[in-house]
């Protein structure tokens, strides 16, 4: 009987929303350094190094890394399954769900994630092509976000970028405890 469940990797890895989109070589270099220092397994490091050579991280390699994490979790006594979701921009995001029994040490879930998937997932979701898709979706929905904000009494800067407008809307949603959630109204989640 499973008493708990952890879902990860569908957790969207949000970039710190830099003022410029980092180049892939910047993203991958940092990720490889962190992966080596953080205990990534050889399979994950191989995927990252291949992506560095190729200049992008593919959905196929990201799926393979997520499945490796699931295999690791199942071998460690958890009941893990692979899945996918599509984010608001249309980006397919591999994920997993891991079930565990009461009293079971769940640190093995994190260990498998770190070893097999964590940095691949981060690079996949923050590489320039993914950020550009998110930015395009935000630009498309910016008029809806702006109208919602203004209809609810919040001033918006007409010169702000769609990303800055979304950050402002996210802050308003937090401060209003969700009473004014213009991102959701615009069909944007996970920002």
Protein backbone atom coordinates (compact mmCIF):
# COMPACT_ATOMS: atom_id res chain seq x y z
CA UNK A 1 0.00 0.00 0.00
CA UNK A 2 1.43 3.36 -1.02
CA UNK A 3 1.01 6.07 1.52
CA UNK A 4 2.98 8.75 -0.21
CA UNK A 5 3.80 9.97 -3.63
CA UNK A 6 6.43 12.37 -4.92
CA UNK A 7 6.24 13.95 -8.33
CA UNK A 8 9.25 15.59 -9.80
CA UNK A 9 10.69 16.69 -13.05
CA UNK A 10 7.35 17.93 -14.14
CA UNK A 11 8.37 20.59 -11.72
CA UNK A 12 9.22 23.25 -14.13
CA UNK A 13 12.76 24.39 -13.92
CA UNK A 14 12.33 28.08 -14.22
CA UNK A 15 15.27 30.08 -15.33
CA UNK A 16 16.13 33.06 -13.19
CA UNK A 17 14.64 35.08 -16.06
CA UNK A 18 17.83 36.83 -17.09
CA UNK A 19 17.65 40.10 -18.92
CA UNK A 20 19.20 38.27 -21.85
CA UNK A 21 18.77 34.68 -22.89
CA UNK A 22 21.90 32.79 -21.91
CA UNK A 23 23.62 31.00 -24.75
CA UNK A 24 23.40 27.24 -24.78
CA UNK A 25 27.14 27.01 -24.20
CA UNK A 26 26.73 29.10 -21.01
CA UNK A 27 23.81 26.99 -19.77
CA UNK A 28 25.46 23.63 -20.48
CA UNK A 29 28.88 24.59 -19.10
CA UNK A 30 27.41 25.61 -15.74
CA UNK A 31 25.20 22.52 -15.66
CA UNK A 32 28.11 20.14 -16.30
CA UNK A 33 30.19 21.77 -13.56
CA UNK A 34 27.29 21.55 -11.10
CA UNK A 35 26.47 17.98 -12.15
CA UNK A 36 30.03 16.81 -11.57
CA UNK A 37 30.14 18.55 -8.17
CA UNK A 38 26.63 17.32 -7.28
CA UNK A 39 27.19 13.63 -7.89
CA UNK A 40 25.56 13.10 -11.27
CA UNK A 41 25.99 9.60 -12.65
CA UNK A 42 27.97 8.81 -15.75
CA UNK A 43 24.84 8.34 -17.89
CA UNK A 44 23.60 11.85 -17.08
CA UNK A 45 27.06 13.32 -17.63
CA UNK A 46 27.30 11.57 -20.98
CA UNK A 47 23.97 13.08 -22.06
CA UNK A 48 25.10 16.53 -20.94
CA UNK A 49 28.46 16.26 -22.71
CA UNK A 50 26.78 15.06 -25.90
CA UNK A 51 24.36 17.99 -25.71
CA UNK A 52 27.32 20.32 -25.27
CA UNK A 53 28.86 18.90 -28.42
CA UNK A 54 25.53 19.03 -30.33
CA UNK A 55 24.58 22.53 -29.16
CA UNK A 56 21.19 21.53 -27.72
CA UNK A 57 19.51 18.97 -25.49
CA UNK A 58 16.88 16.87 -27.22
CA UNK A 59 13.56 15.63 -25.89
CA UNK A 60 14.73 12.07 -26.59
CA UNK A 61 17.78 12.44 -24.33
CA UNK A 62 15.66 14.13 -21.66
CA UNK A 63 13.17 11.26 -21.80
CA UNK A 64 16.02 8.76 -21.49
CA UNK A 65 17.36 10.54 -18.40
CA UNK A 66 13.90 10.61 -16.77
CA UNK A 67 13.46 6.89 -17.49
CA UNK A 68 16.88 6.21 -15.95
CA UNK A 69 15.73 8.00 -12.79
CA UNK A 70 12.56 5.87 -12.75
CA UNK A 71 14.63 2.68 -13.17
CA UNK A 72 16.92 3.77 -10.33
CA UNK A 73 13.94 4.47 -8.06
CA UNK A 74 12.30 1.15 -8.85
CA UNK A 75 15.60 -0.66 -8.17
CA UNK A 76 15.76 1.21 -4.83
CA UNK A 77 12.38 -0.10 -3.66
CA UNK A 78 10.08 2.69 -4.79
CA UNK A 79 7.22 2.43 -7.24
CA UNK A 80 8.10 5.01 -9.89
CA UNK A 81 6.49 5.66 -13.25
CA UNK A 82 7.44 7.83 -16.19
CA UNK A 83 5.12 10.46 -17.65
CA UNK A 84 5.05 13.66 -19.65
CA UNK A 85 3.22 16.94 -19.54
CA UNK A 86 3.06 19.85 -21.94
CA UNK A 87 3.71 23.30 -20.52
CA UNK A 88 1.85 26.43 -21.57
CA UNK A 89 4.26 27.11 -24.44
CA UNK A 90 3.82 23.61 -25.83
CA UNK A 91 7.15 22.30 -24.55
CA UNK A 92 6.89 18.60 -23.68
CA UNK A 93 8.34 18.06 -20.21
CA UNK A 94 9.28 14.54 -19.07
CA UNK A 95 8.41 13.78 -15.44
CA UNK A 96 8.05 10.94 -13.00
CA UNK A 97 5.92 9.95 -10.06
CA UNK A 98 7.42 7.94 -7.22
CA UNK A 99 5.31 6.09 -4.65
CA UNK A 100 6.63 5.04 -1.27
CA UNK A 101 5.47 3.27 1.87
CA UNK A 102 5.03 4.83 5.30
CA UNK A 103 8.34 4.95 7.11
CA UNK A 104 10.35 4.41 3.93
CA UNK A 105 13.44 6.61 3.65
CA UNK A 106 12.56 8.77 0.67
CA UNK A 107 16.05 10.22 0.27
CA UNK A 108 16.56 7.54 -2.39
CA UNK A 109 14.14 9.42 -4.65
CA UNK A 110 16.32 12.55 -4.49
CA UNK A 111 19.48 10.47 -4.90
CA UNK A 112 18.16 8.87 -8.10
CA UNK A 113 16.97 12.22 -9.42
CA UNK A 114 20.36 13.85 -8.77
CA UNK A 115 22.23 10.88 -10.21
CA UNK A 116 20.16 10.39 -13.36
CA UNK A 117 18.00 13.38 -14.28
CA UNK A 118 18.23 16.67 -12.36
CA UNK A 119 20.73 18.60 -14.53
CA UNK A 120 19.44 17.20 -17.83
CA UNK A 121 15.97 18.41 -16.86
CA UNK A 122 17.28 21.82 -15.85
CA UNK A 123 19.21 22.29 -19.12
CA UNK A 124 16.32 21.04 -21.24
CA UNK A 125 13.88 23.53 -19.71
CA UNK A 126 16.25 26.51 -19.57
CA UNK A 127 18.07 26.16 -22.88
CA UNK A 128 17.50 29.13 -25.20
CA UNK A 129 14.97 27.33 -27.41
CA UNK A 130 12.76 26.57 -24.38
CA UNK A 131 13.09 30.13 -23.01
CA UNK A 132 12.21 31.51 -26.44
CA UNK A 133 9.05 29.35 -26.53
CA UNK A 134 8.05 30.63 -23.09
CA UNK A 135 8.75 34.22 -24.10
CA UNK A 136 6.67 33.81 -27.26
CA UNK A 137 3.75 32.47 -25.20
CA UNK A 138 4.10 35.35 -22.72
CA UNK A 139 4.17 37.88 -25.59
CA UNK A 140 1.03 36.34 -27.04
CA UNK A 141 -0.80 36.52 -23.71
CA UNK A 142 0.60 39.87 -22.51
CA UNK A 143 -2.51 41.85 -23.57
CA UNK A 144 -4.73 39.51 -21.51
CA UNK A 145 -2.42 39.78 -18.49
CA UNK A 146 -2.23 43.59 -18.80
CA UNK A 147 -6.01 43.98 -19.11
CA UNK A 148 -6.62 41.71 -16.12
CA UNK A 149 -4.11 43.64 -14.00
CA UNK A 150 -5.59 47.00 -14.94
CA UNK A 151 -9.19 45.77 -14.50
CA UNK A 152 -8.20 44.82 -10.96
CA UNK A 153 -6.71 48.23 -10.17
CA UNK A 154 -3.02 47.50 -10.76
CA UNK A 155 -0.92 49.88 -12.80
CA UNK A 156 1.26 48.33 -15.48
CA UNK A 157 4.18 49.87 -17.31
CA UNK A 158 3.31 49.94 -21.03
CA UNK A 159 7.01 49.61 -21.88
CA UNK A 160 7.61 46.52 -19.72
CA UNK A 161 8.55 43.29 -21.45
CA UNK A 162 6.07 40.41 -21.43
CA UNK A 163 8.37 38.56 -18.98
CA UNK A 164 8.46 41.59 -16.63
CA UNK A 165 4.69 41.90 -16.88
CA UNK A 166 4.34 38.21 -16.00
CA UNK A 167 6.69 38.66 -13.01
CA UNK A 168 4.56 41.58 -11.84
CA UNK A 169 1.38 39.51 -12.25
CA UNK A 170 2.97 36.62 -10.34
CA UNK A 171 3.90 38.96 -7.48
CA UNK A 172 0.34 40.36 -7.40
CA UNK A 173 -1.07 36.82 -7.27
CA UNK A 174 1.19 35.97 -4.33
CA UNK A 175 0.46 39.20 -2.46
CA UNK A 176 -3.29 38.81 -3.00
CA UNK A 177 -3.21 35.13 -1.99
CA UNK A 178 -4.51 34.23 -5.42
CA UNK A 179 -7.44 36.65 -5.39
CA UNK A 180 -5.98 38.41 -8.45
CA UNK A 181 -4.39 35.73 -10.63
CA UNK A 182 -3.96 37.25 -14.07
CA UNK A 183 -1.50 34.57 -15.21
CA UNK A 184 -4.08 31.85 -14.71
CA UNK A 185 -6.68 34.04 -16.42
CA UNK A 186 -4.29 34.30 -19.37
CA UNK A 187 -3.72 30.54 -19.41
CA UNK A 188 -0.17 30.75 -18.03
CA UNK A 189 0.85 28.39 -15.22
CA UNK A 190 4.15 27.56 -13.61
CA UNK A 191 5.75 30.95 -14.19
